PDB file of N, CA and C in Angstrom:
ATOM      1  N   MET A   1     -35.218 -39.270 -24.753  1.00  0.00           N
ATOM      2  CA  MET A   1     -34.729 -38.383 -23.846  1.00  0.00           C
ATOM      3  C   MET A   1     -33.388 -38.988 -22.955  1.00  0.00           C
ATOM      4  N   SER A   2     -32.503 -37.817 -22.844  1.00  0.00           N
ATOM      5  CA  SER A   2     -31.314 -38.279 -22.021  1.00  0.00           C
ATOM      6  C   SER A   2     -31.422 -38.021 -20.703  1.00  0.00           C
ATOM      7  N   SER A   3     -30.757 -38.481 -19.778  1.00  0.00           N
ATOM      8  CA  SER A   3     -30.854 -38.397 -18.415  1.00  0.00           C
ATOM      9  C   SER A   3     -30.298 -37.041 -17.972  1.00  0.00           C
ATOM     10  N   ASP A   4     -29.474 -36.275 -18.726  1.00  0.00           N
ATOM     11  CA  ASP A   4     -28.984 -34.960 -18.382  1.00  0.00           C
ATOM     12  C   ASP A   4     -29.976 -33.962 -18.290  1.00  0.00           C
ATOM     13  N   LEU A   5     -31.157 -34.236 -19.024  1.00  0.00           N
ATOM     14  CA  LEU A   5     -32.226 -33.166 -19.195  1.00  0.00           C
ATOM     15  C   LEU A   5     -33.091 -33.290 -17.945  1.00  0.00           C
ATOM     16  N   SER A   6     -33.043 -34.336 -17.125  1.00  0.00           N
ATOM     17  CA  SER A   6     -33.661 -34.245 -15.852  1.00  0.00           C
ATOM     18  C   SER A   6     -33.140 -33.467 -14.754  1.00  0.00           C
ATOM     19  N   GLN A   7     -31.840 -32.923 -14.890  1.00  0.00           N
ATOM     20  CA  GLN A   7     -31.237 -32.151 -13.732  1.00  0.00           C
ATOM     21  C   GLN A   7     -31.612 -30.607 -13.946  1.00  0.00           C
ATOM     22  N   PRO A   8     -31.698 -29.823 -13.258  1.00  0.00           N
ATOM     23  CA  PRO A   8     -32.053 -28.309 -13.394  1.00  0.00           C
ATOM     24  C   PRO A   8     -30.990 -27.813 -14.099  1.00  0.00           C
ATOM     25  N   ARG A   9     -31.352 -26.826 -14.987  1.00  0.00           N
ATOM     26  CA  ARG A   9     -30.201 -26.121 -15.760  1.00  0.00           C
ATOM     27  C   ARG A   9     -29.136 -25.436 -14.794  1.00  0.00           C
ATOM     28  N   GLY A  10     -27.936 -25.231 -15.371  1.00  0.00           N
ATOM     29  CA  GLY A  10     -26.857 -24.967 -14.561  1.00  0.00           C
ATOM     30  C   GLY A  10     -26.332 -25.831 -13.485  1.00  0.00           C
ATOM     31  N   ALA A  11     -27.065 -27.093 -13.188  1.00  0.00           N
ATOM     32  CA  ALA A  11     -26.381 -27.870 -12.158  1.00  0.00           C
ATOM     33  C   ALA A  11     -25.174 -28.517 -12.789  1.00  0.00           C
ATOM     34  N   SER A  12     -24.202 -28.443 -12.031  1.00  0.00           N
ATOM     35  CA  SER A  12     -22.937 -29.428 -12.371  1.00  0.00           C
ATOM     36  C   SER A  12     -22.967 -30.817 -12.231  1.00  0.00           C
ATOM     37  N   VAL A  13     -22.482 -31.552 -13.425  1.00  0.00           N
ATOM     38  CA  VAL A  13     -22.777 -32.940 -13.375  1.00  0.00           C
ATOM     39  C   VAL A  13     -21.404 -33.670 -12.942  1.00  0.00           C
ATOM     40  N   ASP A  14     -20.201 -32.972 -13.343  1.00  0.00           N
ATOM     41  CA  ASP A  14     -18.991 -33.531 -12.661  1.00  0.00           C
ATOM     42  C   ASP A  14     -18.169 -32.311 -11.926  1.00  0.00           C
ATOM     43  N   LYS A  15     -17.616 -32.913 -10.760  1.00  0.00           N
ATOM     44  CA  LYS A  15     -16.825 -32.106 -10.043  1.00  0.00           C
ATOM     45  C   LYS A  15     -15.391 -32.028 -10.633  1.00  0.00           C
ATOM     46  N   PRO A  16     -14.726 -30.802 -10.801  1.00  0.00           N
ATOM     47  CA  PRO A  16     -13.364 -30.630 -11.357  1.00  0.00           C
ATOM     48  C   PRO A  16     -12.522 -31.459 -10.812  1.00  0.00           C
ATOM     49  N   THR A  17     -11.753 -32.284 -11.482  1.00  0.00           N
ATOM     50  CA  THR A  17     -10.547 -33.162 -11.180  1.00  0.00           C
ATOM     51  C   THR A  17      -9.275 -32.416 -10.960  1.00  0.00           C
ATOM     52  N   GLN A  18      -8.358 -33.013 -10.267  1.00  0.00           N
ATOM     53  CA  GLN A  18      -6.891 -32.381 -10.139  1.00  0.00           C
ATOM     54  C   GLN A  18      -6.218 -32.635 -11.556  1.00  0.00           C
ATOM     55  N   SER A  19      -6.702 -33.329 -12.521  1.00  0.00           N
ATOM     56  CA  SER A  19      -6.395 -33.285 -13.848  1.00  0.00           C
ATOM     57  C   SER A  19      -6.571 -31.990 -14.635  1.00  0.00           C
ATOM     58  N   ASP A  20      -7.582 -31.462 -14.121  1.00  0.00           N
ATOM     59  CA  ASP A  20      -8.100 -30.279 -14.972  1.00  0.00           C
ATOM     60  C   ASP A  20      -7.243 -29.195 -14.912  1.00  0.00           C
ATOM     61  N   PRO A  21      -6.720 -28.777 -16.201  1.00  0.00           N
ATOM     62  CA  PRO A  21      -5.718 -27.749 -16.177  1.00  0.00           C
ATOM     63  C   PRO A  21      -6.009 -26.330 -15.628  1.00  0.00           C
ATOM     64  N   ILE A  22      -7.392 -26.002 -15.763  1.00  0.00           N
ATOM     65  CA  ILE A  22      -7.449 -24.781 -14.974  1.00  0.00           C
ATOM     66  C   ILE A  22      -7.470 -25.105 -13.518  1.00  0.00           C
ATOM     67  N   GLU A  23      -8.043 -26.057 -13.049  1.00  0.00           N
ATOM     68  CA  GLU A  23      -7.816 -26.166 -11.643  1.00  0.00           C
ATOM     69  C   GLU A  23      -6.493 -26.535 -11.128  1.00  0.00           C
ATOM     70  N   ALA A  24      -5.712 -27.125 -11.990  1.00  0.00           N
ATOM     71  CA  ALA A  24      -4.288 -27.268 -11.425  1.00  0.00           C
ATOM     72  C   ALA A  24      -3.509 -26.058 -11.428  1.00  0.00           C
ATOM     73  N   ALA A  25      -3.747 -25.297 -12.423  1.00  0.00           N
ATOM     74  CA  ALA A  25      -3.191 -23.818 -12.573  1.00  0.00           C
ATOM     75  C   ALA A  25      -3.652 -23.096 -11.135  1.00  0.00           C
ATOM     76  N   GLU A  26      -4.774 -23.092 -10.981  1.00  0.00           N
ATOM     77  CA  GLU A  26      -5.346 -22.110  -9.677  1.00  0.00           C
ATOM     78  C   GLU A  26      -4.689 -22.815  -8.502  1.00  0.00           C
ATOM     79  N   GLY A  27      -4.551 -24.051  -8.261  1.00  0.00           N
ATOM     80  CA  GLY A  27      -4.224 -24.746  -7.232  1.00  0.00           C
ATOM     81  C   GLY A  27      -2.756 -24.556  -6.971  1.00  0.00           C
ATOM     82  N   SER A  28      -1.977 -24.425  -8.139  1.00  0.00           N
ATOM     83  CA  SER A  28      -0.377 -24.182  -7.841  1.00  0.00           C
ATOM     84  C   SER A  28       0.024 -22.893  -7.355  1.00  0.00           C
ATOM     85  N   CYS A  29      -0.815 -21.588  -7.703  1.00  0.00           N
ATOM     86  CA  CYS A  29      -0.481 -20.249  -7.161  1.00  0.00           C
ATOM     87  C   CYS A  29      -0.810 -20.277  -5.967  1.00  0.00           C
ATOM     88  N   ARG A  30       0.705 -19.724  -5.390  1.00  0.00           N
ATOM     89  CA  ARG A  30       0.589 -19.325  -3.893  1.00  0.00           C
ATOM     90  C   ARG A  30       0.642 -17.724  -3.705  1.00  0.00           C
ATOM     91  N   PRO A  31      -0.310 -17.422  -2.643  1.00  0.00           N
ATOM     92  CA  PRO A  31      -0.152 -15.868  -2.409  1.00  0.00           C
ATOM     93  C   PRO A  31       1.195 -15.437  -1.829  1.00  0.00           C
ATOM     94  N   ARG A  32       1.753 -14.447  -2.489  1.00  0.00           N
ATOM     95  CA  ARG A  32       2.889 -13.719  -1.957  1.00  0.00           C
ATOM     96  C   ARG A  32       3.147 -13.200  -0.599  1.00  0.00           C
ATOM     97  N   LYS A  33       4.051 -13.579   0.132  1.00  0.00           N
ATOM     98  CA  LYS A  33       4.119 -13.085   1.473  1.00  0.00           C
ATOM     99  C   LYS A  33       4.909 -11.765   1.599  1.00  0.00           C
ATOM    100  N   LEU A  34       4.038 -10.896   2.318  1.00  0.00           N
ATOM    101  CA  LEU A  34       4.775  -9.732   2.418  1.00  0.00           C
ATOM    102  C   LEU A  34       5.400  -9.320   3.646  1.00  0.00           C
ATOM    103  N   PRO A  35       6.419  -8.535   3.752  1.00  0.00           N
ATOM    104  CA  PRO A  35       6.911  -8.437   5.229  1.00  0.00           C
ATOM    105  C   PRO A  35       5.964  -7.760   6.010  1.00  0.00           C
ATOM    106  N   PRO A  36       6.244  -8.073   7.458  1.00  0.00           N
ATOM    107  CA  PRO A  36       5.268  -7.341   8.331  1.00  0.00           C
ATOM    108  C   PRO A  36       5.390  -6.194   8.434  1.00  0.00           C
ATOM    109  N   ALA A  37       4.196  -5.377   8.740  1.00  0.00           N
ATOM    110  CA  ALA A  37       4.096  -3.903   8.724  1.00  0.00           C
ATOM    111  C   ALA A  37       4.746  -3.278  10.207  1.00  0.00           C
ATOM    112  N   PRO A  38       5.523  -2.388   9.914  1.00  0.00           N
ATOM    113  CA  PRO A  38       6.020  -1.836  11.406  1.00  0.00           C
ATOM    114  C   PRO A  38       4.728  -1.342  12.196  1.00  0.00           C
ATOM    115  N   PRO A  39       4.994  -1.172  13.480  1.00  0.00           N
ATOM    116  CA  PRO A  39       3.876  -0.975  14.302  1.00  0.00           C
ATOM    117  C   PRO A  39       3.670   0.561  14.250  1.00  0.00           C
ATOM    118  N   PRO A  40       2.305   0.880  14.192  1.00  0.00           N
ATOM    119  CA  PRO A  40       1.924   2.297  13.900  1.00  0.00           C
ATOM    120  C   PRO A  40       2.411   3.161  15.129  1.00  0.00           C
ATOM    121  N   ILE A  41       2.767   4.513  14.715  1.00  0.00           N
ATOM    122  CA  ILE A  41       3.172   5.343  15.825  1.00  0.00           C
ATOM    123  C   ILE A  41       1.927   6.020  16.640  1.00  0.00           C
ATOM    124  N   GLU A  42       2.118   5.889  17.772  1.00  0.00           N
ATOM    125  CA  GLU A  42       0.913   6.468  18.630  1.00  0.00           C
ATOM    126  C   GLU A  42       0.926   8.090  18.288  1.00  0.00           C
ATOM    127  N   ARG A  43      -0.133   8.752  17.838  1.00  0.00           N
ATOM    128  CA  ARG A  43      -0.238  10.207  17.909  1.00  0.00           C
ATOM    129  C   ARG A  43      -1.637  10.556  18.648  1.00  0.00           C
ATOM    130  N   PRO A  44      -1.165  11.621  19.792  1.00  0.00           N
ATOM    131  CA  PRO A  44      -2.438  12.000  20.574  1.00  0.00           C
ATOM    132  C   PRO A  44      -3.467  12.678  19.872  1.00  0.00           C
ATOM    133  N   PHE A  45      -3.193  13.238  18.779  1.00  0.00           N
ATOM    134  CA  PHE A  45      -4.328  13.875  18.112  1.00  0.00           C
ATOM    135  C   PHE A  45      -4.343  13.483  16.539  1.00  0.00           C
ATOM    136  N   ALA A  46      -5.429  13.927  16.007  1.00  0.00           N
ATOM    137  CA  ALA A  46      -5.574  13.717  14.420  1.00  0.00           C
ATOM    138  C   ALA A  46      -4.553  14.710  13.865  1.00  0.00           C
ATOM    139  N   ASP A  47      -3.769  14.188  12.949  1.00  0.00           N
ATOM    140  CA  ASP A  47      -2.557  14.837  12.312  1.00  0.00           C
ATOM    141  C   ASP A  47      -2.840  14.723  10.888  1.00  0.00           C
ATOM    142  N   ARG A  48      -2.825  16.091  10.135  1.00  0.00           N
ATOM    143  CA  ARG A  48      -3.046  16.070   8.665  1.00  0.00           C
ATOM    144  C   ARG A  48      -1.784  15.530   7.866  1.00  0.00           C
ATOM    145  N   LEU A  49      -2.179  15.022   6.905  1.00  0.00           N
ATOM    146  CA  LEU A  49      -1.221  14.682   6.024  1.00  0.00           C
ATOM    147  C   LEU A  49      -0.920  15.468   4.809  1.00  0.00           C
ATOM    148  N   VAL A  50       0.440  15.953   4.543  1.00  0.00           N
ATOM    149  CA  VAL A  50       0.717  16.746   3.430  1.00  0.00           C
ATOM    150  C   VAL A  50       1.313  16.191   2.493  1.00  0.00           C
ATOM    151  N   ARG A  51       1.093  16.443   1.281  1.00  0.00           N
ATOM    152  CA  ARG A  51       1.796  15.771  -0.129  1.00  0.00           C
ATOM    153  C   ARG A  51       3.030  16.594  -0.446  1.00  0.00           C
ATOM    154  N   LEU A  52       3.750  16.242  -1.406  1.00  0.00           N
ATOM    155  CA  LEU A  52       5.182  16.786  -1.572  1.00  0.00           C
ATOM    156  C   LEU A  52       4.722  18.255  -2.094  1.00  0.00           C
ATOM    157  N   PRO A  53       4.153  18.642  -2.918  1.00  0.00           N
ATOM    158  CA  PRO A  53       4.051  20.124  -3.413  1.00  0.00           C
ATOM    159  C   PRO A  53       3.875  21.040  -2.073  1.00  0.00           C
ATOM    160  N   GLU A  54       3.038  20.623  -1.218  1.00  0.00           N
ATOM    161  CA  GLU A  54       2.598  21.597   0.208  1.00  0.00           C
ATOM    162  C   GLU A  54       4.028  21.457   0.968  1.00  0.00           C
ATOM    163  N   VAL A  55       4.609  20.378   0.998  1.00  0.00           N
ATOM    164  CA  VAL A  55       5.839  20.515   1.671  1.00  0.00           C
ATOM    165  C   VAL A  55       6.867  21.329   1.064  1.00  0.00           C
ATOM    166  N   LEU A  56       6.902  21.237  -0.195  1.00  0.00           N
ATOM    167  CA  LEU A  56       8.214  22.075  -0.808  1.00  0.00           C
ATOM    168  C   LEU A  56       7.667  23.479  -0.501  1.00  0.00           C
ATOM    169  N   ARG A  57       6.416  23.825  -0.706  1.00  0.00           N
ATOM    170  CA  ARG A  57       5.869  25.086  -0.420  1.00  0.00           C
ATOM    171  C   ARG A  57       6.132  25.748   0.930  1.00  0.00           C
ATOM    172  N   LEU A  58       5.989  24.807   1.790  1.00  0.00           N
ATOM    173  CA  LEU A  58       6.150  25.017   3.361  1.00  0.00           C
ATOM    174  C   LEU A  58       7.756  25.452   3.694  1.00  0.00           C
ATOM    175  N   CYS A  59       8.443  24.411   3.266  1.00  0.00           N
ATOM    176  CA  CYS A  59       9.896  24.570   3.800  1.00  0.00           C
ATOM    177  C   CYS A  59      10.714  25.292   2.675  1.00  0.00           C
ATOM    178  N   ALA A  60      10.362  25.773   1.713  1.00  0.00           N
ATOM    179  CA  ALA A  60      10.850  26.333   0.605  1.00  0.00           C
ATOM    180  C   ALA A  60      12.375  25.707   0.054  1.00  0.00           C
ATOM    181  N   LEU A  61      12.143  24.313   0.021  1.00  0.00           N
ATOM    182  CA  LEU A  61      13.334  23.531  -0.401  1.00  0.00           C
ATOM    183  C   LEU A  61      13.120  22.968  -1.786  1.00  0.00           C
ATOM    184  N   SER A  62      14.126  22.751  -2.528  1.00  0.00           N
ATOM    185  CA  SER A  62      13.855  21.939  -3.900  1.00  0.00           C
ATOM    186  C   SER A  62      13.577  20.359  -3.438  1.00  0.00           C
ATOM    187  N   ARG A  63      13.021  19.742  -4.454  1.00  0.00           N
ATOM    188  CA  ARG A  63      12.771  18.503  -4.447  1.00  0.00           C
ATOM    189  C   ARG A  63      13.866  17.434  -3.783  1.00  0.00           C
ATOM    190  N   SER A  64      15.065  17.822  -4.863  1.00  0.00           N
ATOM    191  CA  SER A  64      16.302  17.060  -4.541  1.00  0.00           C
ATOM    192  C   SER A  64      16.821  17.329  -3.166  1.00  0.00           C
ATOM    193  N   THR A  65      17.031  18.639  -2.676  1.00  0.00           N
ATOM    194  CA  THR A  65      17.472  18.690  -1.329  1.00  0.00           C
ATOM    195  C   THR A  65      16.423  18.239  -0.392  1.00  0.00           C
ATOM    196  N   LEU A  66      15.209  18.204  -0.600  1.00  0.00           N
ATOM    197  CA  LEU A  66      14.214  17.644   0.625  1.00  0.00           C
ATOM    198  C   LEU A  66      14.612  16.055   0.741  1.00  0.00           C
ATOM    199  N   TYR A  67      14.651  15.372  -0.418  1.00  0.00           N
ATOM    200  CA  TYR A  67      14.948  13.865  -0.420  1.00  0.00           C
ATOM    201  C   TYR A  67      16.294  13.672  -0.001  1.00  0.00           C
ATOM    202  N   ASN A  68      17.430  14.398  -0.277  1.00  0.00           N
ATOM    203  CA  ASN A  68      18.552  14.420   0.397  1.00  0.00           C
ATOM    204  C   ASN A  68      18.576  14.634   1.797  1.00  0.00           C
ATOM    205  N   LYS A  69      18.020  15.391   2.547  1.00  0.00           N
ATOM    206  CA  LYS A  69      17.729  15.561   3.823  1.00  0.00           C
ATOM    207  C   LYS A  69      17.094  14.359   4.547  1.00  0.00           C
ATOM    208  N   VAL A  70      15.764  13.878   3.890  1.00  0.00           N
ATOM    209  CA  VAL A  70      15.363  12.627   4.455  1.00  0.00           C
ATOM    210  C   VAL A  70      16.200  11.546   4.467  1.00  0.00           C
ATOM    211  N   ALA A  71      17.145  11.224   3.429  1.00  0.00           N
ATOM    212  CA  ALA A  71      18.209  10.140   3.325  1.00  0.00           C
ATOM    213  C   ALA A  71      19.250  10.382   4.323  1.00  0.00           C
ATOM    214  N   THR A  72      19.538  11.536   4.850  1.00  0.00           N
ATOM    215  CA  THR A  72      20.390  11.945   5.823  1.00  0.00           C
ATOM    216  C   THR A  72      20.139  11.736   7.052  1.00  0.00           C
ATOM    217  N   GLY A  73      18.726  11.896   7.200  1.00  0.00           N
ATOM    218  CA  GLY A  73      18.053  11.959   8.546  1.00  0.00           C
ATOM    219  C   GLY A  73      17.792  13.357   9.008  1.00  0.00           C
ATOM    220  N   HIS A  74      18.134  14.373   8.495  1.00  0.00           N
ATOM    221  CA  HIS A  74      17.804  15.660   8.890  1.00  0.00           C
ATOM    222  C   HIS A  74      16.499  16.391   8.452  1.00  0.00           C
ATOM    223  N   PHE A  75      15.677  15.555   7.808  1.00  0.00           N
ATOM    224  CA  PHE A  75      14.058  15.704   7.718  1.00  0.00           C
ATOM    225  C   PHE A  75      13.441  14.815   7.830  1.00  0.00           C
ATOM    226  N   PRO A  76      12.050  14.779   8.444  1.00  0.00           N
ATOM    227  CA  PRO A  76      11.250  13.585   8.811  1.00  0.00           C
ATOM    228  C   PRO A  76      11.012  12.698   7.751  1.00  0.00           C
ATOM    229  N   LYS A  77      10.891  11.678   7.924  1.00  0.00           N
ATOM    230  CA  LYS A  77      10.644  10.495   6.649  1.00  0.00           C
ATOM    231  C   LYS A  77       9.119  10.457   6.231  1.00  0.00           C
ATOM    232  N   GLN A  78       8.996  10.217   5.181  1.00  0.00           N
ATOM    233  CA  GLN A  78       7.422  10.145   4.637  1.00  0.00           C
ATOM    234  C   GLN A  78       6.767   9.105   4.803  1.00  0.00           C
ATOM    235  N   VAL A  79       5.418   9.136   5.012  1.00  0.00           N
ATOM    236  CA  VAL A  79       4.587   7.954   5.124  1.00  0.00           C
ATOM    237  C   VAL A  79       4.101   7.410   3.779  1.00  0.00           C
ATOM    238  N   ARG A  80       4.260   6.023   3.187  1.00  0.00           N
ATOM    239  CA  ARG A  80       3.926   5.627   2.196  1.00  0.00           C
ATOM    240  C   ARG A  80       2.289   5.142   2.286  1.00  0.00           C
ATOM    241  N   LEU A  81       1.651   5.815   1.502  1.00  0.00           N
ATOM    242  CA  LEU A  81       0.120   5.686   1.428  1.00  0.00           C
ATOM    243  C   LEU A  81      -0.419   4.806   0.402  1.00  0.00           C
ATOM    244  N   GLY A  82       0.548   4.601  -0.512  1.00  0.00           N
ATOM    245  CA  GLY A  82       0.144   3.374  -1.653  1.00  0.00           C
ATOM    246  C   GLY A  82       1.504   3.429  -2.381  1.00  0.00           C
ATOM    247  N   ALA A  83       1.282   2.563  -3.494  1.00  0.00           N
ATOM    248  CA  ALA A  83       2.321   2.174  -4.320  1.00  0.00           C
ATOM    249  C   ALA A  83       3.386   3.487  -4.752  1.00  0.00           C
ATOM    250  N   ASN A  84       2.750   4.612  -5.097  1.00  0.00           N
ATOM    251  CA  ASN A  84       3.271   5.732  -5.796  1.00  0.00           C
ATOM    252  C   ASN A  84       2.811   6.841  -4.981  1.00  0.00           C
ATOM    253  N   ILE A  85       2.404   7.054  -3.948  1.00  0.00           N
ATOM    254  CA  ILE A  85       1.858   7.976  -3.196  1.00  0.00           C
ATOM    255  C   ILE A  85       2.432   7.880  -1.734  1.00  0.00           C
ATOM    256  N   VAL A  86       3.169   9.106  -1.553  1.00  0.00           N
ATOM    257  CA  VAL A  86       3.774   9.325  -0.274  1.00  0.00           C
ATOM    258  C   VAL A  86       3.466  10.679   0.534  1.00  0.00           C
ATOM    259  N   ALA A  87       3.482  10.883   1.647  1.00  0.00           N
ATOM    260  CA  ALA A  87       3.073  12.135   2.426  1.00  0.00           C
ATOM    261  C   ALA A  87       3.811  12.385   3.716  1.00  0.00           C
ATOM    262  N   TRP A  88       3.742  13.521   4.218  1.00  0.00           N
ATOM    263  CA  TRP A  88       4.327  13.724   5.524  1.00  0.00           C
ATOM    264  C   TRP A  88       3.267  14.266   6.536  1.00  0.00           C
ATOM    265  N   TYR A  89       3.458  14.037   7.793  1.00  0.00           N
ATOM    266  CA  TYR A  89       2.640  14.591   8.860  1.00  0.00           C
ATOM    267  C   TYR A  89       3.055  15.869   9.086  1.00  0.00           C
ATOM    268  N   GLU A  90       2.012  16.591   8.982  1.00  0.00           N
ATOM    269  CA  GLU A  90       2.188  18.225   9.236  1.00  0.00           C
ATOM    270  C   GLU A  90       2.823  18.499  10.292  1.00  0.00           C
ATOM    271  N   SER A  91       2.638  17.815  11.465  1.00  0.00           N
ATOM    272  CA  SER A  91       3.197  18.328  12.748  1.00  0.00           C
ATOM    273  C   SER A  91       4.721  18.076  12.805  1.00  0.00           C
ATOM    274  N   ASP A  92       4.884  16.845  11.880  1.00  0.00           N
ATOM    275  CA  ASP A  92       6.592  16.642  11.814  1.00  0.00           C
ATOM    276  C   ASP A  92       7.144  17.658  10.852  1.00  0.00           C
ATOM    277  N   VAL A  93       6.592  18.109  10.031  1.00  0.00           N
ATOM    278  CA  VAL A  93       7.124  19.242   9.033  1.00  0.00           C
ATOM    279  C   VAL A  93       7.255  20.584   9.861  1.00  0.00           C
ATOM    280  N   LEU A  94       6.137  20.919  10.798  1.00  0.00           N
ATOM    281  CA  LEU A  94       6.118  22.148  11.435  1.00  0.00           C
ATOM    282  C   LEU A  94       7.284  22.140  12.528  1.00  0.00           C
ATOM    283  N   ALA A  95       7.370  21.040  12.910  1.00  0.00           N
ATOM    284  CA  ALA A  95       8.396  21.014  13.955  1.00  0.00           C
ATOM    285  C   ALA A  95       9.752  21.054  13.423  1.00  0.00           C
ATOM    286  N   TRP A  96      10.126  20.467  12.184  1.00  0.00           N
ATOM    287  CA  TRP A  96      11.359  20.641  11.672  1.00  0.00           C
ATOM    288  C   TRP A  96      11.544  22.115  11.264  1.00  0.00           C
ATOM    289  N   MET A  97      10.470  22.938  10.963  1.00  0.00           N
ATOM    290  CA  MET A  97      10.610  24.304  10.516  1.00  0.00           C
ATOM    291  C   MET A  97      11.040  24.971  11.899  1.00  0.00           C
ATOM    292  N   GLN A  98      10.670  24.615  12.819  1.00  0.00           N
ATOM    293  CA  GLN A  98      10.980  25.247  14.058  1.00  0.00           C
ATOM    294  C   GLN A  98      12.402  25.030  14.349  1.00  0.00           C
ATOM    295  N   SER A  99      13.208  24.099  13.956  1.00  0.00           N
ATOM    296  CA  SER A  99      14.453  23.989  14.277  1.00  0.00           C
ATOM    297  C   SER A  99      15.258  23.175  13.198  1.00  0.00           C
ATOM    298  N   PRO A 100      15.225  23.759  12.014  1.00  0.00           N
ATOM    299  CA  PRO A 100      15.709  22.920  10.900  1.00  0.00           C
ATOM    300  C   PRO A 100      17.410  22.460  10.933  1.00  0.00           C
ATOM    301  N   THR A 101      17.714  21.453  10.514  1.00  0.00           N
ATOM    302  CA  THR A 101      18.914  21.294  10.613  1.00  0.00           C
ATOM    303  C   THR A 101      19.564  20.805   9.414  1.00  0.00           C
TER     304      THR A 101
END
């Protein structure tokens, strides 16, 4: 019988060394640094987020007109919720509807 059988099953015999290609690959990866997030805007009440279809329906604007107004600062900016998801605060949209520019 060899000495390997005296250890419990699954016990590691050797620690991975730096020359181990898997360990070396894992050690060389660095986490990506993201820019700091802007400080959150203080809102005194819970505000509902509305997605693009509802904003277009409320404002009676086309998609391209809405985004042109956002780009020129004549419409509130959207809030990014994910990689491909944006929404607007309902109170900002309703305030713009009271005095559209």
